[in-house]
Amino acid sequence: MTQDDSKRSAAADRSEEEWREILDPETYRVTRQHGTERAYSHPGFPAVAGVFTCACCGEELFTQEEKYESHCGWPAFYATKEGAPVGESHDTSFGMVRTEVHCDNCGAHLGHVFPDGPQDKTGMRYCINGVSLRFTPAEGATESDG
């Protein structure tokens, strides 16, 4: 078993009680109970080169390069990081038909994806709850890099 396989197994096998102990209440509500943070409630992330990881298991999901300002109230990306374990599922909650995105490694709810993103890129808008992500700046990154 590789180190990555071990990390996947540990995250996938956690009980709800373990998740409650590990995560703060808002991150637990959003990622484990498929919640949504209020629009514009997340303080944001620095505009420097880096990677966005799953708040639950640490898998790399998005990069600053794919992030853009969509003015929707949540962090938005036009694509996932290449090879990222981001899965999709059909979501009909609240009387809407949407495509949910989640971390395939640990099952964390991340947000939703919509086909109204930048047309000069992928045309997709990954609308992601800020509390479901952690940001790690690239080594030596500065504000002008983002």
Protein backbone atom coordinates (compact mmCIF):
# COMPACT_ATOMS: atom_id res chain seq x y z
CA MET A 1 0.00 0.00 0.00
CA THR A 2 1.39 3.39 -0.98
CA GLN A 3 1.31 6.44 1.28
CA ASP A 4 -1.46 7.93 -0.92
CA ASP A 5 -3.49 4.69 -0.67
CA SER A 6 -3.07 4.75 3.10
CA LYS A 7 -4.26 8.38 3.27
CA ARG A 8 -7.29 7.54 1.10
CA SER A 9 -8.19 4.53 3.21
CA ALA A 10 -7.90 6.47 6.49
CA ALA A 11 -10.09 9.33 5.24
CA ALA A 12 -12.70 7.07 3.66
CA ASP A 13 -12.99 4.93 6.81
CA ARG A 14 -13.59 7.74 9.31
CA SER A 15 -16.82 7.62 11.27
CA GLU A 16 -19.12 10.62 11.59
CA GLU A 17 -18.00 10.95 15.22
CA GLU A 18 -14.37 11.17 14.08
CA TRP A 19 -15.25 13.82 11.48
CA ARG A 20 -17.06 15.84 14.17
CA GLU A 21 -13.92 15.74 16.35
CA ILE A 22 -11.55 16.66 13.51
CA LEU A 23 -13.54 19.46 11.80
CA ASP A 24 -14.90 22.74 13.10
CA PRO A 25 -18.74 22.83 13.18
CA GLU A 26 -19.20 24.85 9.97
CA THR A 27 -16.76 22.72 7.95
CA TYR A 28 -18.48 19.59 9.26
CA ARG A 29 -21.95 20.93 8.36
CA VAL A 30 -20.89 21.85 4.82
CA THR A 31 -18.61 18.93 3.93
CA ARG A 32 -20.23 16.03 5.77
CA GLN A 33 -23.90 17.12 5.78
CA HIS A 34 -23.97 18.67 2.27
CA GLY A 35 -24.53 22.19 3.57
CA THR A 36 -23.77 25.51 1.95
CA GLU A 37 -22.02 28.45 3.56
CA ARG A 38 -23.70 31.84 3.17
CA ALA A 39 -22.68 33.74 0.05
CA TYR A 40 -19.78 36.13 0.68
CA SER A 41 -19.27 34.69 4.19
CA HIS A 42 -15.86 33.14 3.53
CA PRO A 43 -12.98 35.58 4.04
CA GLY A 44 -11.35 34.50 0.80
CA PHE A 45 -7.89 33.30 -0.09
CA PRO A 46 -4.72 35.19 -0.96
CA ALA A 47 -4.18 35.94 -4.65
CA VAL A 48 -0.88 34.06 -4.88
CA ALA A 49 0.16 30.93 -6.75
CA GLY A 50 -0.74 27.80 -4.87
CA VAL A 51 -3.05 24.83 -4.48
CA PHE A 52 -6.45 24.36 -2.86
CA THR A 53 -6.85 21.11 -0.94
CA CYS A 54 -9.81 19.29 0.56
CA ALA A 55 -10.41 20.56 4.12
CA CYS A 56 -11.18 17.00 5.22
CA CYS A 57 -8.43 14.84 3.72
CA GLY A 58 -5.85 17.18 2.16
CA GLU A 59 -6.18 15.97 -1.45
CA GLU A 60 -5.18 18.60 -4.03
CA LEU A 61 -8.34 19.70 -5.86
CA PHE A 62 -7.87 23.11 -7.55
CA THR A 63 -5.05 25.55 -8.28
CA GLN A 64 -4.95 29.33 -8.11
CA GLU A 65 -4.40 29.30 -11.89
CA GLU A 66 -7.96 28.02 -12.48
CA LYS A 67 -9.57 30.37 -9.92
CA TYR A 68 -11.50 33.40 -11.15
CA GLU A 69 -13.91 36.01 -9.78
CA SER A 70 -17.42 34.97 -10.75
CA HIS A 71 -19.19 37.36 -8.35
CA CYS A 72 -21.37 34.47 -7.16
CA GLY A 73 -20.34 34.77 -3.49
CA TRP A 74 -18.22 31.61 -3.33
CA PRO A 75 -14.77 30.71 -4.65
CA ALA A 76 -15.07 29.78 -8.34
CA PHE A 77 -12.82 27.75 -10.62
CA TYR A 78 -13.15 26.97 -14.33
CA ALA A 79 -11.49 23.55 -13.94
CA THR A 80 -10.15 21.14 -11.36
CA LYS A 81 -6.45 20.45 -10.88
CA GLU A 82 -5.33 17.87 -13.41
CA GLY A 83 -5.93 14.40 -11.97
CA ALA A 84 -7.79 15.75 -8.93
CA PRO A 85 -10.19 13.36 -7.21
CA VAL A 86 -13.27 15.52 -7.82
CA GLY A 87 -16.42 13.54 -8.49
CA GLU A 88 -19.88 14.61 -9.58
CA SER A 89 -23.37 13.47 -8.62
CA HIS A 90 -26.92 14.43 -9.49
CA ASP A 91 -28.46 16.72 -6.85
CA THR A 92 -32.20 17.43 -6.71
CA SER A 93 -32.30 18.97 -3.25
CA PHE A 94 -34.32 22.14 -2.58
CA GLY A 95 -36.41 21.61 -5.72
CA MET A 96 -33.45 22.29 -8.03
CA VAL A 97 -31.55 20.09 -10.47
CA ARG A 98 -27.81 20.62 -10.05
CA THR A 99 -24.53 18.77 -10.33
CA GLU A 100 -22.85 18.37 -6.94
CA VAL A 101 -19.07 18.07 -6.74
CA HIS A 102 -17.38 16.14 -4.00
CA CYS A 103 -13.94 14.83 -3.04
CA ASP A 104 -13.72 11.27 -4.34
CA ASN A 105 -11.11 10.51 -1.70
CA CYS A 106 -13.18 11.20 1.42
CA GLY A 107 -16.67 12.03 0.15
CA ALA A 108 -16.61 15.66 1.30
CA HIS A 109 -19.26 17.87 -0.28
CA LEU A 110 -17.45 20.74 -2.04
CA GLY A 111 -20.18 22.61 -3.88
CA HIS A 112 -21.71 22.48 -7.37
CA VAL A 113 -20.60 22.88 -10.97
CA PHE A 114 -22.54 24.93 -13.53
CA PRO A 115 -22.10 25.43 -17.30
CA ASP A 116 -21.88 29.23 -17.04
CA GLY A 117 -18.16 29.72 -16.53
CA PRO A 118 -15.65 31.59 -18.72
CA GLN A 119 -16.37 30.66 -22.33
CA ASP A 120 -12.75 31.28 -23.32
CA LYS A 121 -11.70 28.53 -20.87
CA THR A 122 -13.86 25.46 -20.14
CA GLY A 123 -17.25 27.14 -19.87
CA MET A 124 -17.64 25.59 -16.41
CA ARG A 125 -18.00 27.27 -13.01
CA TYR A 126 -17.05 25.13 -10.03
CA CYS A 127 -18.83 27.05 -7.28
CA ILE A 128 -17.08 25.80 -4.13
CA ASN A 129 -17.74 26.42 -0.46
CA GLY A 130 -14.69 28.18 0.95
CA VAL A 131 -14.80 26.15 4.18
CA SER A 132 -14.39 22.93 2.19
CA LEU A 133 -10.96 24.10 0.99
CA ARG A 134 -7.57 24.88 2.50
CA PHE A 135 -5.01 26.93 0.57
CA THR A 136 -1.28 26.28 0.42
CA PRO A 137 0.81 28.97 -1.30
CA ALA A 138 3.45 27.74 -3.73
CA GLU A 139 6.96 27.94 -2.36
CA GLY A 140 8.21 31.51 -2.77
CA ALA A 141 4.82 32.74 -4.06
CA THR A 142 4.16 36.46 -3.85
CA GLU A 143 0.98 38.52 -4.28
CA SER A 144 1.88 39.32 -7.91
CA ASP A 145 2.01 35.59 -8.79
CA GLY A 146 -1.75 35.03 -8.38
